[in-house]
Amino acid sequence: MQVSVAYALPEQQWWLNVDIAEGATVMAAIHKSGLLELNKDINLEHQKVGIFGRLVSLETALAEGDRVEIYRPITWQGDDDDDD
């Protein structure tokens, strides 16, 4: 079956189609996509993943046409000037 794996950085985005076996997991699709080799900054122990915007675990089984998304950590870069 075919699924896609998506990951986005501010300067570059990936949306890769992957052929995987029926019942394959999110983790299997991510590994097969090659994104972990392309982006050494991905740390699945700390980053969340989802399918079409819904958070799931790495062990979640996929269905035909699913889009696996790897989410970057949210960071805050607010003003240091809190004297208001």
N, C-alpha and C. Protein backbone atom coordinates (compact mmCIF):
# COMPACT_ATOMS: atom_id res chain seq x y z
N MET A 1 0.85 -1.18 0.00
CA MET A 1 0.00 0.00 0.00
C MET A 1 0.89 1.23 0.00
N GLN A 2 0.32 2.35 -0.39
CA GLN A 2 1.10 3.58 -0.46
C GLN A 2 0.63 4.58 0.59
N VAL A 3 1.61 5.16 1.28
CA VAL A 3 1.38 6.24 2.24
C VAL A 3 2.41 7.32 1.94
N SER A 4 2.30 8.45 2.60
CA SER A 4 3.32 9.49 2.44
C SER A 4 3.84 9.89 3.82
N VAL A 5 5.05 10.43 3.82
CA VAL A 5 5.68 10.89 5.06
C VAL A 5 6.10 12.34 4.83
N ALA A 6 5.70 13.22 5.75
CA ALA A 6 5.97 14.65 5.60
C ALA A 6 6.75 15.18 6.79
N TYR A 7 7.68 16.09 6.47
CA TYR A 7 8.46 16.78 7.51
C TYR A 7 8.82 18.14 6.95
N ALA A 8 8.72 19.17 7.77
CA ALA A 8 8.97 20.52 7.27
C ALA A 8 9.90 21.29 8.21
N LEU A 9 10.88 21.90 7.61
CA LEU A 9 11.75 22.87 8.27
C LEU A 9 11.40 24.24 7.69
N PRO A 10 11.79 25.32 8.34
CA PRO A 10 11.46 26.63 7.76
C PRO A 10 11.99 26.81 6.34
N GLU A 11 13.15 26.23 6.06
CA GLU A 11 13.77 26.43 4.75
C GLU A 11 13.53 25.31 3.74
N GLN A 12 13.01 24.17 4.19
CA GLN A 12 12.79 23.05 3.27
C GLN A 12 11.70 22.13 3.80
N GLN A 13 10.94 21.56 2.86
CA GLN A 13 9.88 20.63 3.22
C GLN A 13 10.02 19.35 2.41
N TRP A 14 9.63 18.24 3.01
CA TRP A 14 9.64 16.94 2.34
C TRP A 14 8.25 16.33 2.43
N TRP A 15 7.80 15.72 1.33
CA TRP A 15 6.57 14.94 1.30
C TRP A 15 6.88 13.77 0.38
N LEU A 16 7.20 12.64 0.98
CA LEU A 16 7.70 11.49 0.24
C LEU A 16 6.68 10.36 0.22
N ASN A 17 6.44 9.78 -0.95
CA ASN A 17 5.56 8.62 -1.06
C ASN A 17 6.36 7.36 -0.76
N VAL A 18 5.74 6.45 -0.02
CA VAL A 18 6.40 5.23 0.42
C VAL A 18 5.47 4.05 0.19
N ASP A 19 6.00 2.98 -0.39
CA ASP A 19 5.25 1.72 -0.51
C ASP A 19 5.62 0.84 0.67
N ILE A 20 4.62 0.45 1.45
CA ILE A 20 4.84 -0.39 2.62
C ILE A 20 3.82 -1.52 2.63
N ALA A 21 4.09 -2.51 3.46
CA ALA A 21 3.19 -3.67 3.56
C ALA A 21 1.93 -3.29 4.34
N GLU A 22 0.86 -4.01 4.05
CA GLU A 22 -0.38 -3.84 4.83
C GLU A 22 -0.07 -4.03 6.31
N GLY A 23 -0.63 -3.17 7.15
CA GLY A 23 -0.43 -3.29 8.59
C GLY A 23 0.87 -2.69 9.09
N ALA A 24 1.65 -2.06 8.21
CA ALA A 24 2.91 -1.44 8.64
C ALA A 24 2.61 -0.27 9.58
N THR A 25 3.58 0.07 10.40
CA THR A 25 3.42 1.11 11.41
C THR A 25 3.96 2.45 10.93
N VAL A 26 3.64 3.47 11.70
CA VAL A 26 4.18 4.80 11.46
C VAL A 26 5.70 4.75 11.44
N MET A 27 6.30 4.06 12.42
CA MET A 27 7.76 3.95 12.50
C MET A 27 8.32 3.30 11.24
N ALA A 28 7.70 2.25 10.75
CA ALA A 28 8.18 1.58 9.54
C ALA A 28 8.15 2.52 8.34
N ALA A 29 7.10 3.31 8.21
CA ALA A 29 7.00 4.25 7.09
C ALA A 29 8.07 5.33 7.18
N ILE A 30 8.30 5.83 8.38
CA ILE A 30 9.33 6.86 8.56
C ILE A 30 10.70 6.31 8.18
N HIS A 31 11.02 5.11 8.65
CA HIS A 31 12.30 4.51 8.32
C HIS A 31 12.43 4.29 6.81
N LYS A 32 11.38 3.77 6.20
CA LYS A 32 11.43 3.47 4.77
C LYS A 32 11.54 4.75 3.93
N SER A 33 11.02 5.86 4.43
CA SER A 33 11.06 7.12 3.69
C SER A 33 12.47 7.67 3.53
N GLY A 34 13.37 7.32 4.45
CA GLY A 34 14.73 7.85 4.41
C GLY A 34 14.88 9.21 5.06
N LEU A 35 13.80 9.75 5.63
CA LEU A 35 13.89 11.08 6.24
C LEU A 35 14.85 11.13 7.43
N LEU A 36 15.00 10.04 8.15
CA LEU A 36 15.92 10.06 9.29
C LEU A 36 17.36 10.22 8.83
N GLU A 37 17.68 9.71 7.66
CA GLU A 37 19.02 9.88 7.11
C GLU A 37 19.20 11.27 6.51
N LEU A 38 18.14 11.82 5.94
CA LEU A 38 18.21 13.15 5.33
C LEU A 38 18.24 14.27 6.38
N ASN A 39 17.68 14.00 7.55
CA ASN A 39 17.53 15.02 8.59
C ASN A 39 18.00 14.46 9.93
N LYS A 40 19.27 14.62 10.19
CA LYS A 40 19.85 14.07 11.42
C LYS A 40 19.29 14.74 12.68
N ASP A 41 18.61 15.88 12.51
CA ASP A 41 18.03 16.58 13.65
C ASP A 41 16.73 15.94 14.14
N ILE A 42 16.15 15.04 13.39
CA ILE A 42 14.91 14.37 13.83
C ILE A 42 15.24 13.42 14.97
N ASN A 43 14.53 13.58 16.08
CA ASN A 43 14.70 12.72 17.25
C ASN A 43 13.31 12.21 17.65
N LEU A 44 12.98 11.02 17.21
CA LEU A 44 11.64 10.49 17.44
C LEU A 44 11.36 10.18 18.91
N GLU A 45 12.38 10.19 19.75
CA GLU A 45 12.14 10.01 21.19
C GLU A 45 11.55 11.28 21.80
N HIS A 46 11.76 12.42 21.13
CA HIS A 46 11.29 13.69 21.68
C HIS A 46 10.27 14.40 20.79
N GLN A 47 10.18 14.02 19.52
CA GLN A 47 9.25 14.68 18.62
C GLN A 47 7.98 13.86 18.48
N LYS A 48 6.88 14.57 18.27
CA LYS A 48 5.59 13.91 18.10
C LYS A 48 5.37 13.59 16.63
N VAL A 49 4.49 12.63 16.39
CA VAL A 49 4.11 12.25 15.04
C VAL A 49 2.60 12.21 14.95
N GLY A 50 2.10 12.31 13.73
CA GLY A 50 0.66 12.26 13.54
C GLY A 50 0.31 11.72 12.17
N ILE A 51 -0.99 11.51 11.99
CA ILE A 51 -1.56 11.12 10.71
C ILE A 51 -2.65 12.14 10.41
N PHE A 52 -2.47 12.90 9.33
CA PHE A 52 -3.42 13.95 8.95
C PHE A 52 -3.75 14.88 10.12
N GLY A 53 -2.72 15.30 10.88
CA GLY A 53 -2.91 16.27 11.95
C GLY A 53 -3.40 15.70 13.28
N ARG A 54 -3.57 14.41 13.37
CA ARG A 54 -4.01 13.76 14.62
C ARG A 54 -2.81 13.04 15.23
N LEU A 55 -2.47 13.38 16.49
CA LEU A 55 -1.33 12.74 17.13
C LEU A 55 -1.55 11.24 17.28
N VAL A 56 -0.50 10.47 16.97
CA VAL A 56 -0.54 9.01 17.10
C VAL A 56 0.80 8.54 17.65
N SER A 57 0.88 7.28 17.99
CA SER A 57 2.15 6.70 18.45
C SER A 57 2.91 6.13 17.25
N LEU A 58 4.18 5.87 17.45
CA LEU A 58 5.01 5.28 16.39
C LEU A 58 4.55 3.88 16.02
N GLU A 59 3.81 3.22 16.91
CA GLU A 59 3.33 1.85 16.68
C GLU A 59 1.97 1.79 15.99
N THR A 60 1.39 2.93 15.68
CA THR A 60 0.08 2.97 15.03
C THR A 60 0.14 2.35 13.64
N ALA A 61 -0.80 1.46 13.35
CA ALA A 61 -0.88 0.84 12.03
C ALA A 61 -1.43 1.84 11.03
N LEU A 62 -0.90 1.79 9.82
CA LEU A 62 -1.30 2.72 8.77
C LEU A 62 -2.32 2.10 7.83
N ALA A 63 -3.07 2.97 7.16
CA ALA A 63 -4.02 2.56 6.13
C ALA A 63 -3.59 3.20 4.81
N GLU A 64 -4.04 2.62 3.72
CA GLU A 64 -3.75 3.15 2.38
C GLU A 64 -4.04 4.65 2.32
N GLY A 65 -3.07 5.42 1.81
CA GLY A 65 -3.25 6.84 1.61
C GLY A 65 -2.97 7.73 2.80
N ASP A 66 -2.63 7.15 3.96
CA ASP A 66 -2.33 7.97 5.14
C ASP A 66 -1.14 8.88 4.88
N ARG A 67 -1.15 10.05 5.53
CA ARG A 67 -0.01 10.96 5.50
C ARG A 67 0.58 11.03 6.90
N VAL A 68 1.76 10.46 7.07
CA VAL A 68 2.47 10.50 8.35
C VAL A 68 3.18 11.85 8.42
N GLU A 69 3.05 12.51 9.56
CA GLU A 69 3.67 13.82 9.75
C GLU A 69 4.60 13.77 10.96
N ILE A 70 5.81 14.26 10.79
CA ILE A 70 6.75 14.37 11.90
C ILE A 70 6.76 15.84 12.30
N TYR A 71 6.45 16.10 13.57
CA TYR A 71 6.32 17.48 14.03
C TYR A 71 7.59 17.95 14.71
N ARG A 72 7.99 19.19 14.41
CA ARG A 72 9.13 19.79 15.09
C ARG A 72 8.68 20.29 16.45
N PRO A 73 9.61 20.34 17.40
CA PRO A 73 9.26 20.90 18.71
C PRO A 73 8.87 22.38 18.57
N ILE A 74 7.93 22.80 19.35
CA ILE A 74 7.53 24.21 19.35
C ILE A 74 8.51 24.96 20.24
N THR A 75 9.03 26.05 19.72
CA THR A 75 9.94 26.89 20.50
C THR A 75 9.39 28.30 20.55
N TRP A 76 9.67 28.99 21.62
CA TRP A 76 9.22 30.35 21.81
C TRP A 76 10.40 31.28 21.70
N GLN A 77 10.29 32.28 20.86
CA GLN A 77 11.33 33.28 20.71
C GLN A 77 10.72 34.65 20.92
N GLY A 78 10.13 34.85 22.08
CA GLY A 78 9.47 36.11 22.39
C GLY A 78 10.48 37.17 22.78
N ASP A 79 9.97 38.37 23.01
CA ASP A 79 10.82 39.49 23.43
C ASP A 79 11.41 39.22 24.79
N ASP A 80 12.65 39.63 24.97
CA ASP A 80 13.28 39.55 26.29
C ASP A 80 12.87 40.74 27.14
N ASP A 81 12.22 41.69 26.55
CA ASP A 81 11.83 42.91 27.24
C ASP A 81 10.44 42.74 27.83
N ASP A 82 10.38 42.26 29.08
CA ASP A 82 9.10 42.05 29.76
C ASP A 82 8.81 43.14 30.77
N ASP A 83 9.33 44.35 30.57
CA ASP A 83 9.17 45.45 31.52
C ASP A 83 7.89 46.22 31.31
N ASP A 84 7.02 45.80 30.40
CA ASP A 84 5.81 46.56 30.06
C ASP A 84 4.84 46.59 31.19
